[in-house]
Amino acid sequence: MTPMSTSLSPFSTTSIDPKLTAKVANIGNAENKEIRQKAEEFESVFLAQMLRHMTSGMATDGVVGGGHAEKIYREMLMDEIGNTVSRKGGIGIADSLYREMIKQQEVAKDEHSTHAS
């Protein structure tokens, strides 16, 4: 039996263009990790907002009581669900954003080296 993948994303990072992969290797590990972290943070916030809108119309039952405390708890829960889903592979937003940020960075570097010549 093979272990299951923890990635929820239909867009695997292994599908990145080989030329882009080579460029990413040249960027530097710390900068690369920071770009990935920012992409995951964006996806996390997006998912939390989406979940808030999805659950905003849900009625609270008498057992929990509703009120201000439940509203705060639900917001914290949506934030945590967004963080967890994003860390576990997300829905592909972080992967796409990461690839685009790397491409934009490479374009900027290429333009800078062209103008410096």
Protein backbone atom coordinates (compact mmCIF):
# COMPACT_ATOMS: atom_id res chain seq x y z
CA MET A 1 0.00 0.00 0.00
CA THR A 2 1.37 3.41 -0.97
CA PRO A 3 1.07 6.47 1.26
CA MET A 4 -1.50 9.05 0.25
CA SER A 5 -0.41 12.47 -0.90
CA THR A 6 -1.17 15.32 1.48
CA SER A 7 -1.57 17.77 -1.39
CA LEU A 8 -5.12 18.85 -2.15
CA SER A 9 -4.03 20.90 -5.13
CA PRO A 10 -4.75 19.72 -8.67
CA PHE A 11 -1.74 21.81 -9.75
CA SER A 12 1.42 20.04 -8.69
CA THR A 13 4.62 22.04 -8.38
CA THR A 14 6.27 19.29 -10.42
CA SER A 15 4.41 20.57 -13.48
CA ILE A 16 6.46 23.79 -13.54
CA ASP A 17 8.30 24.49 -16.77
CA PRO A 18 11.87 23.04 -16.61
CA LYS A 19 13.35 26.39 -17.69
CA LEU A 20 11.50 28.09 -14.86
CA THR A 21 12.69 25.42 -12.43
CA ALA A 22 16.30 26.19 -13.39
CA LYS A 23 15.69 29.91 -12.87
CA VAL A 24 14.10 29.28 -9.48
CA ALA A 25 17.22 27.40 -8.41
CA ASN A 26 19.26 30.52 -9.19
CA ILE A 27 17.09 32.86 -7.14
CA GLY A 28 18.32 31.67 -3.78
CA ASN A 29 16.73 29.53 -1.15
CA ALA A 30 15.75 32.24 1.34
CA GLU A 31 14.14 34.46 -1.28
CA ASN A 32 12.42 31.46 -2.88
CA LYS A 33 10.97 30.37 0.48
CA GLU A 34 9.75 33.90 1.18
CA ILE A 35 7.95 34.04 -2.18
CA ARG A 36 6.33 30.66 -1.49
CA GLN A 37 5.30 31.78 2.02
CA LYS A 38 3.67 34.96 0.70
CA ALA A 39 1.77 32.98 -1.95
CA GLU A 40 0.49 30.56 0.72
CA GLU A 41 -0.48 33.48 2.99
CA PHE A 42 -2.51 35.01 0.17
CA GLU A 43 -4.28 31.70 -0.49
CA SER A 44 -4.96 31.29 3.23
CA VAL A 45 -6.59 34.74 3.50
CA PHE A 46 -8.58 34.12 0.31
CA LEU A 47 -9.89 30.79 1.59
CA ALA A 48 -10.79 32.25 5.00
CA GLN A 49 -12.76 35.06 3.33
CA MET A 50 -14.50 32.61 1.03
CA LEU A 51 -15.45 30.41 4.00
CA ARG A 52 -16.74 33.42 5.94
CA HIS A 53 -19.08 34.30 3.09
CA MET A 54 -20.17 30.68 2.73
CA THR A 55 -21.08 30.40 6.42
CA SER A 56 -22.45 33.90 6.99
CA GLY A 57 -26.04 32.82 6.36
CA MET A 58 -25.92 29.81 8.66
CA ALA A 59 -28.27 29.98 11.60
CA THR A 60 -26.92 29.28 15.06
CA ASP A 61 -28.70 26.70 17.17
CA GLY A 62 -29.83 27.15 20.73
CA VAL A 63 -27.20 24.82 22.19
CA VAL A 64 -24.23 27.02 21.35
CA GLY A 65 -26.24 30.16 21.88
CA GLY A 66 -24.92 32.34 19.06
CA GLY A 67 -24.00 35.86 20.00
CA HIS A 68 -20.75 37.77 19.84
CA ALA A 69 -18.56 34.95 21.21
CA GLU A 70 -19.73 32.52 18.53
CA LYS A 71 -19.09 35.12 15.82
CA ILE A 72 -15.50 35.56 17.03
CA TYR A 73 -15.01 31.79 17.29
CA ARG A 74 -16.33 31.24 13.75
CA GLU A 75 -13.96 33.89 12.36
CA MET A 76 -11.02 32.25 14.12
CA LEU A 77 -12.14 28.86 12.85
CA MET A 78 -12.35 30.12 9.26
CA ASP A 79 -8.84 31.60 9.56
CA GLU A 80 -7.46 28.31 10.86
CA ILE A 81 -9.21 26.25 8.18
CA GLY A 82 -7.78 28.59 5.53
CA ASN A 83 -4.28 28.25 7.02
CA THR A 84 -4.50 24.47 7.25
CA VAL A 85 -5.84 23.97 3.73
CA SER A 86 -3.17 26.27 2.31
CA ARG A 87 -0.35 24.49 4.20
CA LYS A 88 -1.61 21.09 3.03
CA GLY A 89 -1.50 21.98 -0.66
CA GLY A 90 -4.42 24.34 -0.97
CA ILE A 91 -6.64 24.62 -4.00
CA GLY A 92 -3.96 25.76 -6.43
CA ILE A 93 -4.01 29.51 -5.86
CA ALA A 94 -0.65 29.55 -4.04
CA ASP A 95 0.96 27.37 -6.73
CA SER A 96 -0.27 29.62 -9.53
CA LEU A 97 0.62 32.80 -7.69
CA TYR A 98 4.08 31.44 -6.84
CA ARG A 99 4.78 30.59 -10.48
CA GLU A 100 3.64 34.04 -11.62
CA MET A 101 5.70 35.81 -8.96
CA ILE A 102 8.80 33.86 -10.03
CA LYS A 103 8.13 34.69 -13.70
CA GLN A 104 7.68 38.39 -12.88
CA GLN A 105 10.87 38.41 -10.86
CA GLU A 106 12.78 36.83 -13.75
CA VAL A 107 11.32 39.35 -16.22
CA ALA A 108 12.39 42.19 -13.93
CA LYS A 109 15.90 40.73 -13.59
CA ASP A 110 16.17 40.26 -17.36
CA GLU A 111 15.01 43.86 -17.99
CA HIS A 112 17.44 45.16 -15.38
CA SER A 113 20.38 43.28 -16.93
CA THR A 114 19.35 44.45 -20.43
CA HIS A 115 19.20 48.11 -19.36
CA ALA A 116 22.48 47.82 -17.44
CA SER A 117 24.32 46.71 -20.59
